[in-house]
Each structure stands twice: as C-alpha cells, then as structure tokens.
Amino acid sequence: MSQQSGAGVISAIALFKLVKAVTLVAVGIGALSLVHRTDAFTVVRHSLREAGIDPNHRFVSEGIAKVSGLDNKRLEALSVGTFAYAAIFLVEGAGLLFRKHWAEFLTVFVTASFIPFELYELAHKPSVLKGVGLFVNVVIVVYLAVRLWREHKHAAPPRPAS
C-alpha cells in the first residue's frame, strides 16, 4: 500500500472517530437537557422534529422511549459516560489526523478493547447496526495492527552504543 493511500485510510479513521466524538457530545448534552424535566418525552420528540428527524420512525421512537424513561441519576450517568467516550474518540481522532504514531497504538488498544462488549451486545440483541459497527471496528483494528507490525518489522535495528 502506498504512503498516499495509507494516509487516506488514516484520515478516514480519524474522521470516523471525530464524528463519533461529536455524536456522543450531542447525546451527552441531550441527556443533560432532560435532567429534572418532567416532560422528557415531549422535549425529545420536539427537539428531534426541530432537527429534521422523524420522531415516529421505529428506531427513533424506541430510542426516545428508552431515554425518556430514565431517572435523573441515570441520565446524569449516561451523559458522563458519553462525554468520557467522546473524549477518548476525540483524542484518537485528533492524534490520527495529525499523524501521531502514538494515536495508532491508542486506537488499536481502545478499539480492540470494545470488541468483546460489541460481540456480547450483538449476541444478546442482534441488529444490523451493531453488526456493521463491529465489522468497522474489527477492520480498523486489523488495518492499524498490520500497519504498526509492518513499520516495526521494517524499522532499522538500533545501533550499538559506542
């Protein structure tokens, strides 16, 4: 694989991670906006409609039902968790975008660490979206791991100290 196409793949992975970070920040803000709201279901439906998303779509309405049924403590925990994941994805994405070698190692480690949980989720509640997500993450891990292994294999051996 050429340097140019390898850089393109790294950029695509970086953008994927950054999009995930932005999405999680939006989810975290949305969860925080529902804390102490008694009309959470109505607020979520209205916000989605304003964003041009059909709140009556099957997947959307299932998500609304799950989120609007959470108590304040769980909504706060959800927002903290999504902000933490967003921070990880932001660091991965920015590091990859700026071609930092450590970001490749971090992305392999973090992404690989999520795969067992994704497999568990897919086995217990299968969906096409979960399957696609798992596939994309496996491809990212394999691509970066092979890339790092090749770099290590082709690196010049260290010179002995004189």
Protein backbone atom coordinates (compact mmCIF):
# COMPACT_ATOMS: atom_id res chain seq x y z
CA MET A 1 0.00 0.00 0.00
CA SER A 2 1.37 3.40 -0.93
CA GLN A 3 2.09 6.16 1.58
CA GLN A 4 -0.65 8.28 -0.01
CA SER A 5 -3.42 5.64 0.26
CA GLY A 6 -2.28 4.76 3.79
CA ALA A 7 -2.60 8.42 4.76
CA GLY A 8 -6.09 8.46 3.25
CA VAL A 9 -7.16 5.46 5.31
CA ILE A 10 -5.73 7.01 8.48
CA SER A 11 -7.60 10.25 7.69
CA ALA A 12 -10.84 8.30 7.16
CA ILE A 13 -10.40 6.52 10.51
CA ALA A 14 -9.65 9.87 12.17
CA LEU A 15 -12.80 11.44 10.72
CA PHE A 16 -14.84 8.41 11.78
CA LYS A 17 -13.55 8.79 15.35
CA LEU A 18 -14.23 12.54 15.33
CA VAL A 19 -17.79 12.03 14.04
CA LYS A 20 -18.35 9.52 16.85
CA ALA A 21 -17.00 12.08 19.34
CA VAL A 22 -19.32 14.82 18.10
CA THR A 23 -22.29 12.43 18.13
CA LEU A 24 -21.54 11.39 21.70
CA VAL A 25 -21.22 15.01 22.82
CA ALA A 26 -24.66 15.67 21.31
CA VAL A 27 -26.09 12.63 23.12
CA GLY A 28 -24.48 13.76 26.39
CA ILE A 29 -25.88 17.27 26.03
CA GLY A 30 -29.27 15.82 25.16
CA ALA A 31 -29.22 13.59 28.26
CA LEU A 32 -28.26 16.54 30.46
CA SER A 33 -31.04 18.65 28.98
CA LEU A 34 -33.56 16.03 30.16
CA VAL A 35 -32.41 16.04 33.79
CA HIS A 36 -35.14 17.43 36.05
CA ARG A 37 -37.60 17.66 33.15
CA THR A 38 -40.93 16.00 33.81
CA ASP A 39 -41.89 16.25 30.14
CA ALA A 40 -38.77 14.50 28.80
CA PHE A 41 -40.69 12.51 26.19
CA THR A 42 -42.21 15.67 24.72
CA VAL A 43 -38.90 17.56 24.83
CA VAL A 44 -37.05 14.81 22.98
CA ARG A 45 -39.74 14.47 20.30
CA HIS A 46 -39.84 18.25 19.77
CA SER A 47 -36.03 18.53 19.60
CA LEU A 48 -35.82 15.75 17.04
CA ARG A 49 -38.56 17.32 14.93
CA GLU A 50 -36.67 20.65 15.03
CA ALA A 51 -33.51 18.85 13.86
CA GLY A 52 -35.42 17.38 10.91
CA ILE A 53 -35.59 13.85 12.31
CA ASP A 54 -38.88 11.96 12.23
CA PRO A 55 -39.66 11.06 15.87
CA ASN A 56 -42.20 8.47 14.65
CA HIS A 57 -39.57 6.36 12.90
CA ARG A 58 -39.39 2.94 14.56
CA PHE A 59 -35.74 3.16 15.68
CA VAL A 60 -36.09 6.78 16.81
CA SER A 61 -39.26 6.15 18.80
CA GLU A 62 -37.65 3.13 20.51
CA GLY A 63 -34.68 5.31 21.47
CA ILE A 64 -36.96 8.06 22.76
CA ALA A 65 -38.85 5.58 24.91
CA LYS A 66 -35.63 4.25 26.42
CA VAL A 67 -34.10 7.65 27.14
CA SER A 68 -37.25 9.38 28.38
CA GLY A 69 -37.88 6.54 30.84
CA LEU A 70 -34.58 7.09 32.66
CA ASP A 71 -34.46 8.81 36.03
CA ASN A 72 -32.25 11.86 36.68
CA LYS A 73 -29.41 9.84 38.20
CA ARG A 74 -29.23 7.55 35.16
CA LEU A 75 -29.48 10.49 32.75
CA GLU A 76 -26.54 12.14 34.51
CA ALA A 77 -24.55 8.88 34.42
CA LEU A 78 -25.39 8.50 30.72
CA SER A 79 -24.13 11.99 29.98
CA VAL A 80 -20.89 11.50 31.94
CA GLY A 81 -20.27 8.20 30.15
CA THR A 82 -20.91 9.68 26.72
CA PHE A 83 -18.63 12.65 27.45
CA ALA A 84 -15.87 10.25 28.59
CA TYR A 85 -16.19 8.16 25.43
CA ALA A 86 -16.33 11.34 23.35
CA ALA A 87 -13.07 12.50 24.93
CA ILE A 88 -11.38 9.20 24.06
CA PHE A 89 -12.63 9.34 20.46
CA LEU A 90 -11.59 12.99 20.21
CA VAL A 91 -8.04 12.18 21.33
CA GLU A 92 -7.86 9.22 18.94
CA GLY A 93 -9.28 11.18 16.00
CA ALA A 94 -7.15 14.28 16.54
CA GLY A 95 -4.00 12.21 17.06
CA LEU A 96 -4.63 10.26 13.86
CA LEU A 97 -5.49 13.41 11.93
CA PHE A 98 -2.17 14.96 12.98
CA ARG A 99 -0.37 11.70 12.10
CA LYS A 100 0.81 10.99 15.64
CA HIS A 101 2.28 7.50 15.91
CA TRP A 102 1.01 7.07 19.47
CA ALA A 103 -2.55 7.63 18.21
CA GLU A 104 -2.34 4.49 16.08
CA PHE A 105 -1.35 2.43 19.14
CA LEU A 106 -4.07 4.09 21.23
CA THR A 107 -6.70 3.45 18.56
CA VAL A 108 -5.75 -0.23 18.26
CA PHE A 109 -5.87 -0.67 22.04
CA VAL A 110 -9.10 1.25 22.67
CA THR A 111 -10.98 -0.08 19.66
CA ALA A 112 -9.92 -3.67 20.34
CA SER A 113 -10.99 -3.33 23.98
CA PHE A 114 -14.56 -2.54 22.86
CA ILE A 115 -14.88 -5.58 20.58
CA PRO A 116 -15.76 -8.13 23.33
CA PHE A 117 -18.58 -5.85 24.54
CA GLU A 118 -19.80 -5.38 20.98
CA LEU A 119 -19.80 -9.16 20.47
CA TYR A 120 -21.77 -9.63 23.68
CA GLU A 121 -24.32 -6.99 22.64
CA LEU A 122 -24.62 -8.45 19.16
CA ALA A 123 -25.18 -11.96 20.57
CA HIS A 124 -27.83 -10.82 23.06
CA LYS A 125 -29.64 -8.19 20.98
CA PRO A 126 -28.66 -8.64 17.35
CA SER A 127 -29.12 -5.79 14.89
CA VAL A 128 -27.67 -4.81 11.55
CA LEU A 129 -26.33 -1.56 13.02
CA LYS A 130 -24.43 -3.44 15.75
CA GLY A 131 -23.08 -5.88 13.18
CA VAL A 132 -21.86 -3.06 10.94
CA GLY A 133 -20.30 -1.26 13.92
CA LEU A 134 -18.48 -4.41 14.99
CA PHE A 135 -17.27 -5.04 11.44
CA VAL A 136 -15.94 -1.49 11.05
CA ASN A 137 -14.12 -1.67 14.40
CA VAL A 138 -12.54 -5.05 13.55
CA VAL A 139 -11.37 -3.66 10.18
CA ILE A 140 -9.86 -0.62 11.93
CA VAL A 141 -8.01 -2.77 14.48
CA VAL A 142 -6.69 -5.19 11.86
CA TYR A 143 -5.62 -2.41 9.49
CA LEU A 144 -3.77 -0.42 12.16
CA ALA A 145 -2.24 -3.51 13.81
CA VAL A 146 -0.88 -4.74 10.47
CA ARG A 147 0.38 -1.25 9.66
CA LEU A 148 2.17 -0.98 13.03
CA TRP A 149 3.61 -4.50 12.69
CA ARG A 150 4.97 -3.72 9.22
CA GLU A 151 6.53 -0.47 10.43
CA HIS A 152 8.18 -2.31 13.31
CA LYS A 153 9.41 -5.10 11.02
CA HIS A 154 10.93 -2.64 8.55
CA ALA A 155 12.45 -0.33 11.14
CA ALA A 156 16.20 -0.26 11.21
CA PRO A 157 17.70 -2.20 14.11
CA PRO A 158 19.12 0.04 16.83
CA ARG A 159 22.83 0.76 16.56
CA PRO A 160 25.00 -0.49 19.37
CA ALA A 161 26.28 2.23 21.68
CA SER A 162 29.89 3.21 21.10
